[in-house]
């Protein structure tokens, strides 16, 4: 089966998605915290919110050695997480009765959990496929 896009184009689109998600998330964090007088707290929120994007960036760089299944899972995350993050941080989707900081605390936590689960499942699937090919 021939891929829809060449890998280099796909990688550039993924990079753009990560950067757009990170910049948009940074904007929403700064907008939400603009009245906060604690620079340290704002910096901690910025680091926490950007940490899943940094992890995806690092994973994207080292993914050349990964199997096609694991790389596909990574690209799935790269396309889903920025969109989900921007929807949550923009306030388009909120949980009634929560404070504004809730979405900036839970969004990265859910992103990290999703990254771990999806890559773990992809790794297990890769191992199962390689065992079946050996048999």
N, C-alpha and C. Protein backbone atom coordinates (compact mmCIF):
# COMPACT_ATOMS: atom_id res chain seq x y z
N UNK A 1 0.84 -1.18 0.00
CA UNK A 1 0.00 0.00 0.00
C UNK A 1 0.88 1.24 0.00
N UNK A 2 0.58 2.15 -0.87
CA UNK A 2 1.36 3.38 -1.01
C UNK A 2 0.83 4.45 -0.07
N UNK A 3 1.70 5.17 0.65
CA UNK A 3 1.23 6.22 1.56
C UNK A 3 0.58 7.37 0.79
N UNK A 4 -0.37 8.04 1.45
CA UNK A 4 -1.07 9.16 0.84
C UNK A 4 -0.13 10.33 0.62
N UNK A 5 0.68 10.62 1.62
CA UNK A 5 1.65 11.71 1.54
C UNK A 5 3.06 11.17 1.73
N UNK A 6 4.02 11.78 1.07
CA UNK A 6 5.41 11.36 1.33
C UNK A 6 5.76 11.65 2.80
N UNK A 7 6.60 10.81 3.40
CA UNK A 7 6.94 11.00 4.82
C UNK A 7 7.46 12.39 5.16
N UNK A 8 8.23 13.01 4.27
CA UNK A 8 8.77 14.35 4.55
C UNK A 8 7.66 15.38 4.66
N UNK A 9 6.66 15.28 3.80
CA UNK A 9 5.52 16.22 3.84
C UNK A 9 4.71 15.97 5.09
N UNK A 10 4.47 14.71 5.40
CA UNK A 10 3.71 14.35 6.58
C UNK A 10 4.39 14.87 7.84
N UNK A 11 5.71 14.76 7.88
CA UNK A 11 6.49 15.24 9.02
C UNK A 11 6.40 16.76 9.17
N UNK A 12 6.41 17.48 8.05
CA UNK A 12 6.30 18.94 8.10
C UNK A 12 4.93 19.38 8.58
N UNK A 13 3.89 18.68 8.14
CA UNK A 13 2.54 18.99 8.60
C UNK A 13 2.43 18.73 10.10
N UNK A 14 3.02 17.63 10.56
CA UNK A 14 3.01 17.30 11.98
C UNK A 14 3.74 18.37 12.79
N UNK A 15 4.88 18.82 12.30
CA UNK A 15 5.63 19.88 12.98
C UNK A 15 4.80 21.15 13.07
N UNK A 16 4.13 21.51 11.98
CA UNK A 16 3.27 22.68 11.98
C UNK A 16 2.15 22.52 13.01
N UNK A 17 1.54 21.34 13.08
CA UNK A 17 0.46 21.09 14.04
C UNK A 17 0.97 21.26 15.48
N UNK A 18 2.15 20.71 15.77
CA UNK A 18 2.70 20.84 17.11
C UNK A 18 2.99 22.30 17.46
N UNK A 19 3.59 23.02 16.53
CA UNK A 19 3.92 24.42 16.79
C UNK A 19 2.66 25.26 16.96
N UNK A 20 1.67 25.03 16.11
CA UNK A 20 0.41 25.78 16.22
C UNK A 20 -0.27 25.48 17.55
N UNK A 21 -0.27 24.21 17.94
CA UNK A 21 -0.88 23.85 19.22
C UNK A 21 -0.13 24.45 20.39
N UNK A 22 1.19 24.44 20.34
CA UNK A 22 1.99 25.00 21.43
C UNK A 22 1.83 26.51 21.52
N UNK A 23 1.86 27.19 20.37
CA UNK A 23 1.71 28.65 20.38
C UNK A 23 0.31 29.05 20.85
N UNK A 24 -0.70 28.34 20.35
CA UNK A 24 -2.06 28.64 20.78
C UNK A 24 -2.25 28.37 22.27
N UNK A 25 -1.70 27.28 22.75
CA UNK A 25 -1.80 26.96 24.18
C UNK A 25 -1.09 28.00 25.02
N UNK A 26 0.08 28.43 24.57
CA UNK A 26 0.82 29.48 25.27
C UNK A 26 0.00 30.76 25.34
N UNK A 27 -0.64 31.11 24.24
CA UNK A 27 -1.49 32.31 24.21
C UNK A 27 -2.61 32.20 25.25
N UNK A 28 -3.29 31.06 25.30
CA UNK A 28 -4.41 30.91 26.23
C UNK A 28 -3.94 30.91 27.68
N UNK A 29 -2.76 30.34 27.96
CA UNK A 29 -2.22 30.37 29.32
C UNK A 29 -1.90 31.79 29.73
N UNK A 30 -1.25 32.52 28.85
CA UNK A 30 -0.89 33.91 29.17
C UNK A 30 -2.13 34.78 29.31
N UNK A 31 -3.12 34.54 28.49
CA UNK A 31 -4.37 35.31 28.59
C UNK A 31 -5.09 35.01 29.90
N UNK A 32 -5.10 33.75 30.31
CA UNK A 32 -5.78 33.38 31.55
C UNK A 32 -5.01 33.88 32.78
N UNK A 33 -3.69 33.95 32.69
CA UNK A 33 -2.89 34.35 33.85
C UNK A 33 -2.40 35.77 33.83
N UNK A 34 -2.96 36.60 32.96
CA UNK A 34 -2.42 37.96 32.83
C UNK A 34 -2.59 38.81 34.09
N UNK A 35 -3.51 38.47 34.96
CA UNK A 35 -3.70 39.26 36.19
C UNK A 35 -2.99 38.65 37.38
N UNK A 36 -2.37 37.52 37.19
CA UNK A 36 -1.67 36.86 38.27
C UNK A 36 -0.35 37.58 38.50
N UNK A 37 -0.09 37.92 39.74
CA UNK A 37 1.13 38.67 40.07
C UNK A 37 2.33 37.77 40.34
N UNK A 38 2.11 36.48 40.43
CA UNK A 38 3.20 35.54 40.67
C UNK A 38 3.79 35.08 39.34
N UNK A 39 4.96 35.60 39.03
CA UNK A 39 5.64 35.23 37.78
C UNK A 39 6.02 33.75 37.82
N UNK A 40 6.42 33.25 38.99
CA UNK A 40 6.80 31.85 39.12
C UNK A 40 5.61 30.93 38.80
N UNK A 41 4.44 31.27 39.31
CA UNK A 41 3.26 30.45 39.05
C UNK A 41 2.91 30.43 37.56
N UNK A 42 2.98 31.57 36.93
CA UNK A 42 2.70 31.65 35.49
C UNK A 42 3.74 30.84 34.71
N UNK A 43 5.01 30.94 35.09
CA UNK A 43 6.05 30.16 34.42
C UNK A 43 5.85 28.65 34.61
N UNK A 44 5.42 28.25 35.81
CA UNK A 44 5.14 26.83 36.04
C UNK A 44 3.98 26.35 35.17
N UNK A 45 2.94 27.17 35.06
CA UNK A 45 1.81 26.81 34.20
C UNK A 45 2.26 26.72 32.74
N UNK A 46 3.09 27.65 32.31
CA UNK A 46 3.58 27.63 30.93
C UNK A 46 4.36 26.35 30.68
N UNK A 47 5.27 26.01 31.57
CA UNK A 47 6.05 24.78 31.40
C UNK A 47 5.15 23.56 31.38
N UNK A 48 4.18 23.49 32.30
CA UNK A 48 3.30 22.35 32.40
C UNK A 48 2.44 22.20 31.14
N UNK A 49 1.91 23.30 30.65
CA UNK A 49 1.04 23.25 29.47
C UNK A 49 1.84 22.91 28.21
N UNK A 50 3.07 23.38 28.11
CA UNK A 50 3.88 23.11 26.93
C UNK A 50 4.60 21.76 26.99
N UNK A 51 4.65 21.12 28.15
CA UNK A 51 5.41 19.87 28.29
C UNK A 51 4.94 18.75 27.37
N UNK A 52 3.64 18.52 27.14
CA UNK A 52 3.28 17.47 26.17
C UNK A 52 3.75 17.77 24.75
N UNK A 53 3.75 19.04 24.38
CA UNK A 53 4.22 19.42 23.04
C UNK A 53 5.73 19.20 22.92
N UNK A 54 6.45 19.50 24.00
CA UNK A 54 7.90 19.25 23.98
C UNK A 54 8.18 17.75 23.88
N UNK A 55 7.40 16.95 24.59
CA UNK A 55 7.59 15.50 24.53
C UNK A 55 7.30 14.97 23.13
N UNK A 56 6.24 15.48 22.51
CA UNK A 56 5.92 15.05 21.14
C UNK A 56 7.01 15.48 20.16
N UNK A 57 7.59 16.64 20.40
CA UNK A 57 8.67 17.11 19.53
C UNK A 57 9.89 16.20 19.65
N UNK A 58 10.26 15.86 20.87
CA UNK A 58 11.39 14.97 21.09
C UNK A 58 11.10 13.59 20.49
N UNK A 59 9.89 13.10 20.71
CA UNK A 59 9.51 11.80 20.16
C UNK A 59 9.55 11.83 18.64
N UNK A 60 9.15 12.92 18.05
CA UNK A 60 9.17 13.05 16.60
C UNK A 60 10.61 12.98 16.06
N UNK A 61 11.53 13.57 16.80
CA UNK A 61 12.93 13.56 16.37
C UNK A 61 13.53 12.15 16.46
N UNK A 62 13.23 11.43 17.52
CA UNK A 62 13.82 10.10 17.70
C UNK A 62 13.01 8.99 17.05
N UNK A 63 11.87 9.31 16.46
CA UNK A 63 10.97 8.28 15.92
C UNK A 63 11.49 7.63 14.64
N UNK A 64 12.57 8.11 14.07
CA UNK A 64 13.11 7.49 12.85
C UNK A 64 13.47 6.03 13.08
N UNK A 65 13.84 5.69 14.30
CA UNK A 65 14.24 4.32 14.62
C UNK A 65 13.05 3.45 15.03
N UNK A 66 11.87 4.04 15.15
CA UNK A 66 10.69 3.31 15.62
C UNK A 66 10.05 2.53 14.49
N UNK A 67 9.23 1.58 14.86
CA UNK A 67 8.48 0.82 13.87
C UNK A 67 7.40 1.71 13.25
N UNK A 68 6.88 1.27 12.11
CA UNK A 68 5.85 2.03 11.42
C UNK A 68 4.59 2.16 12.27
N UNK A 69 4.27 1.13 13.03
CA UNK A 69 3.07 1.16 13.89
C UNK A 69 3.22 2.21 14.98
N UNK A 70 4.36 2.23 15.63
CA UNK A 70 4.60 3.19 16.71
C UNK A 70 4.66 4.61 16.16
N UNK A 71 5.29 4.78 15.01
CA UNK A 71 5.35 6.11 14.38
C UNK A 71 3.95 6.59 13.99
N UNK A 72 3.12 5.68 13.50
CA UNK A 72 1.74 6.05 13.16
C UNK A 72 0.98 6.50 14.40
N UNK A 73 1.19 5.80 15.52
CA UNK A 73 0.55 6.20 16.78
C UNK A 73 1.03 7.58 17.21
N UNK A 74 2.32 7.84 17.04
CA UNK A 74 2.86 9.15 17.37
C UNK A 74 2.22 10.24 16.52
N UNK A 75 2.11 10.00 15.22
CA UNK A 75 1.51 11.01 14.36
C UNK A 75 0.03 11.20 14.66
N UNK A 76 -0.65 10.15 15.08
CA UNK A 76 -2.03 10.27 15.53
C UNK A 76 -2.09 11.25 16.71
N UNK A 77 -1.19 11.07 17.67
CA UNK A 77 -1.14 11.97 18.83
C UNK A 77 -0.81 13.40 18.41
N UNK A 78 0.12 13.53 17.47
CA UNK A 78 0.55 14.86 17.03
C UNK A 78 -0.61 15.61 16.36
N UNK A 79 -1.51 14.89 15.73
CA UNK A 79 -2.64 15.55 15.08
C UNK A 79 -3.81 15.76 16.03
N UNK A 80 -3.97 14.89 17.03
CA UNK A 80 -5.13 14.98 17.94
C UNK A 80 -4.88 15.92 19.11
N UNK A 81 -3.73 15.82 19.75
CA UNK A 81 -3.49 16.60 20.98
C UNK A 81 -3.51 18.12 20.78
N UNK A 82 -2.90 18.66 19.74
CA UNK A 82 -2.98 20.12 19.58
C UNK A 82 -4.42 20.61 19.39
N UNK A 83 -5.20 19.90 18.61
CA UNK A 83 -6.59 20.30 18.39
C UNK A 83 -7.37 20.23 19.70
N UNK A 84 -7.23 19.11 20.41
CA UNK A 84 -7.92 18.96 21.69
C UNK A 84 -7.49 20.01 22.71
N UNK A 85 -6.20 20.27 22.75
CA UNK A 85 -5.69 21.27 23.70
C UNK A 85 -6.27 22.65 23.40
N UNK A 86 -6.28 23.03 22.15
CA UNK A 86 -6.81 24.35 21.80
C UNK A 86 -8.30 24.46 22.09
N UNK A 87 -9.04 23.39 21.89
CA UNK A 87 -10.47 23.41 22.21
C UNK A 87 -10.67 23.59 23.71
N UNK A 88 -9.92 22.84 24.50
CA UNK A 88 -10.08 22.92 25.96
C UNK A 88 -9.60 24.27 26.49
N UNK A 89 -8.41 24.71 26.08
CA UNK A 89 -7.84 25.94 26.63
C UNK A 89 -8.60 27.18 26.18
N UNK A 90 -9.23 27.13 25.03
CA UNK A 90 -9.96 28.30 24.54
C UNK A 90 -11.24 28.53 25.33
N UNK A 91 -11.70 27.51 26.03
CA UNK A 91 -12.94 27.65 26.78
C UNK A 91 -14.15 27.18 25.99
N UNK A 92 -13.94 26.65 24.80
CA UNK A 92 -15.05 26.14 23.99
C UNK A 92 -15.72 24.96 24.65
N UNK A 93 -14.96 24.21 25.42
CA UNK A 93 -15.50 23.06 26.14
C UNK A 93 -15.05 23.19 27.59
N UNK A 94 -16.00 23.38 28.49
CA UNK A 94 -15.66 23.55 29.90
C UNK A 94 -16.54 22.65 30.76
N UNK A 95 -16.10 22.45 31.98
CA UNK A 95 -16.87 21.70 32.97
C UNK A 95 -17.42 22.72 33.95
N UNK A 96 -18.73 22.72 34.09
CA UNK A 96 -19.38 23.68 34.98
C UNK A 96 -18.84 23.56 36.41
N UNK A 97 -18.67 24.69 37.05
CA UNK A 97 -18.24 24.73 38.44
C UNK A 97 -16.75 24.63 38.66
N UNK A 98 -15.97 24.61 37.60
CA UNK A 98 -14.51 24.54 37.77
C UNK A 98 -13.90 25.92 37.58
N UNK A 99 -12.79 26.11 38.20
CA UNK A 99 -12.06 27.37 38.05
C UNK A 99 -11.27 27.34 36.75
N UNK A 100 -10.87 28.50 36.25
CA UNK A 100 -10.12 28.54 34.98
C UNK A 100 -8.82 27.74 35.00
N UNK A 101 -8.15 27.68 36.14
CA UNK A 101 -6.88 26.94 36.21
C UNK A 101 -7.07 25.44 36.03
N UNK A 102 -8.26 24.94 36.28
CA UNK A 102 -8.52 23.50 36.19
C UNK A 102 -8.15 22.95 34.82
N UNK A 103 -8.56 23.65 33.77
CA UNK A 103 -8.28 23.14 32.42
C UNK A 103 -6.78 23.16 32.10
N UNK A 104 -6.04 24.10 32.69
CA UNK A 104 -4.60 24.18 32.45
C UNK A 104 -3.82 23.18 33.31
N UNK A 105 -4.45 22.66 34.34
CA UNK A 105 -3.84 21.60 35.14
C UNK A 105 -4.16 20.22 34.58
N UNK A 106 -5.43 20.02 34.23
CA UNK A 106 -5.87 18.70 33.78
C UNK A 106 -5.57 18.43 32.31
N UNK A 107 -5.55 19.45 31.47
CA UNK A 107 -5.28 19.26 30.04
C UNK A 107 -3.94 18.58 29.80
N UNK A 108 -2.85 19.10 30.35
CA UNK A 108 -1.55 18.42 30.17
C UNK A 108 -1.51 17.03 30.81
N UNK A 109 -2.17 16.88 31.96
CA UNK A 109 -2.18 15.57 32.62
C UNK A 109 -2.86 14.54 31.72
N UNK A 110 -4.00 14.89 31.17
CA UNK A 110 -4.71 13.98 30.25
C UNK A 110 -3.87 13.75 29.00
N UNK A 111 -3.20 14.78 28.51
CA UNK A 111 -2.33 14.62 27.33
C UNK A 111 -1.21 13.63 27.62
N UNK A 112 -0.57 13.77 28.77
CA UNK A 112 0.51 12.85 29.13
C UNK A 112 -0.01 11.42 29.25
N UNK A 113 -1.17 11.26 29.87
CA UNK A 113 -1.75 9.92 30.00
C UNK A 113 -2.08 9.34 28.63
N UNK A 114 -2.63 10.15 27.75
CA UNK A 114 -2.96 9.70 26.40
C UNK A 114 -1.70 9.32 25.62
N UNK A 115 -0.66 10.12 25.75
CA UNK A 115 0.61 9.80 25.09
C UNK A 115 1.13 8.45 25.59
N UNK A 116 1.13 8.27 26.89
CA UNK A 116 1.65 7.02 27.47
C UNK A 116 0.82 5.82 27.02
N UNK A 117 -0.50 5.94 27.08
CA UNK A 117 -1.37 4.81 26.73
C UNK A 117 -1.25 4.47 25.24
N UNK A 118 -1.32 5.47 24.38
CA UNK A 118 -1.29 5.21 22.93
C UNK A 118 0.06 4.61 22.52
N UNK A 119 1.15 5.15 23.03
CA UNK A 119 2.47 4.61 22.65
C UNK A 119 2.70 3.22 23.27
N UNK A 120 2.18 2.99 24.45
CA UNK A 120 2.29 1.67 25.06
C UNK A 120 1.50 0.63 24.25
N UNK A 121 0.28 0.99 23.86
CA UNK A 121 -0.53 0.08 23.03
C UNK A 121 0.16 -0.17 21.69
N UNK A 122 0.69 0.87 21.08
CA UNK A 122 1.39 0.70 19.80
C UNK A 122 2.59 -0.20 19.95
N UNK A 123 3.31 -0.07 21.05
CA UNK A 123 4.46 -0.92 21.29
C UNK A 123 4.04 -2.38 21.45
N UNK A 124 2.95 -2.60 22.17
CA UNK A 124 2.45 -3.97 22.36
C UNK A 124 1.97 -4.56 21.03
N UNK A 125 1.28 -3.77 20.24
CA UNK A 125 0.81 -4.24 18.94
C UNK A 125 1.99 -4.60 18.05
N UNK A 126 3.03 -3.76 18.07
CA UNK A 126 4.23 -4.03 17.28
C UNK A 126 4.85 -5.36 17.69
N UNK A 127 4.92 -5.62 18.99
CA UNK A 127 5.49 -6.88 19.47
C UNK A 127 4.63 -8.06 19.05
N UNK A 128 3.32 -7.91 19.11
CA UNK A 128 2.44 -8.99 18.70
C UNK A 128 2.57 -9.28 17.20
N UNK A 129 2.66 -8.21 16.40
CA UNK A 129 2.81 -8.38 14.96
C UNK A 129 4.13 -9.05 14.63
N UNK A 130 5.20 -8.64 15.31
CA UNK A 130 6.51 -9.24 15.01
C UNK A 130 6.54 -10.71 15.45
N UNK A 131 5.86 -11.07 16.54
CA UNK A 131 5.79 -12.47 16.95
C UNK A 131 5.03 -13.30 15.93
N UNK A 132 3.93 -12.75 15.39
CA UNK A 132 3.14 -13.46 14.41
C UNK A 132 3.89 -13.64 13.10
N UNK A 133 4.73 -12.67 12.75
CA UNK A 133 5.51 -12.77 11.52
C UNK A 133 6.61 -13.81 11.65
N UNK A 134 7.15 -13.99 12.87
CA UNK A 134 8.19 -14.97 13.12
C UNK A 134 7.64 -16.39 13.07
N UNK A 135 6.39 -16.55 13.51
CA UNK A 135 5.80 -17.91 13.58
C UNK A 135 5.43 -18.48 12.24
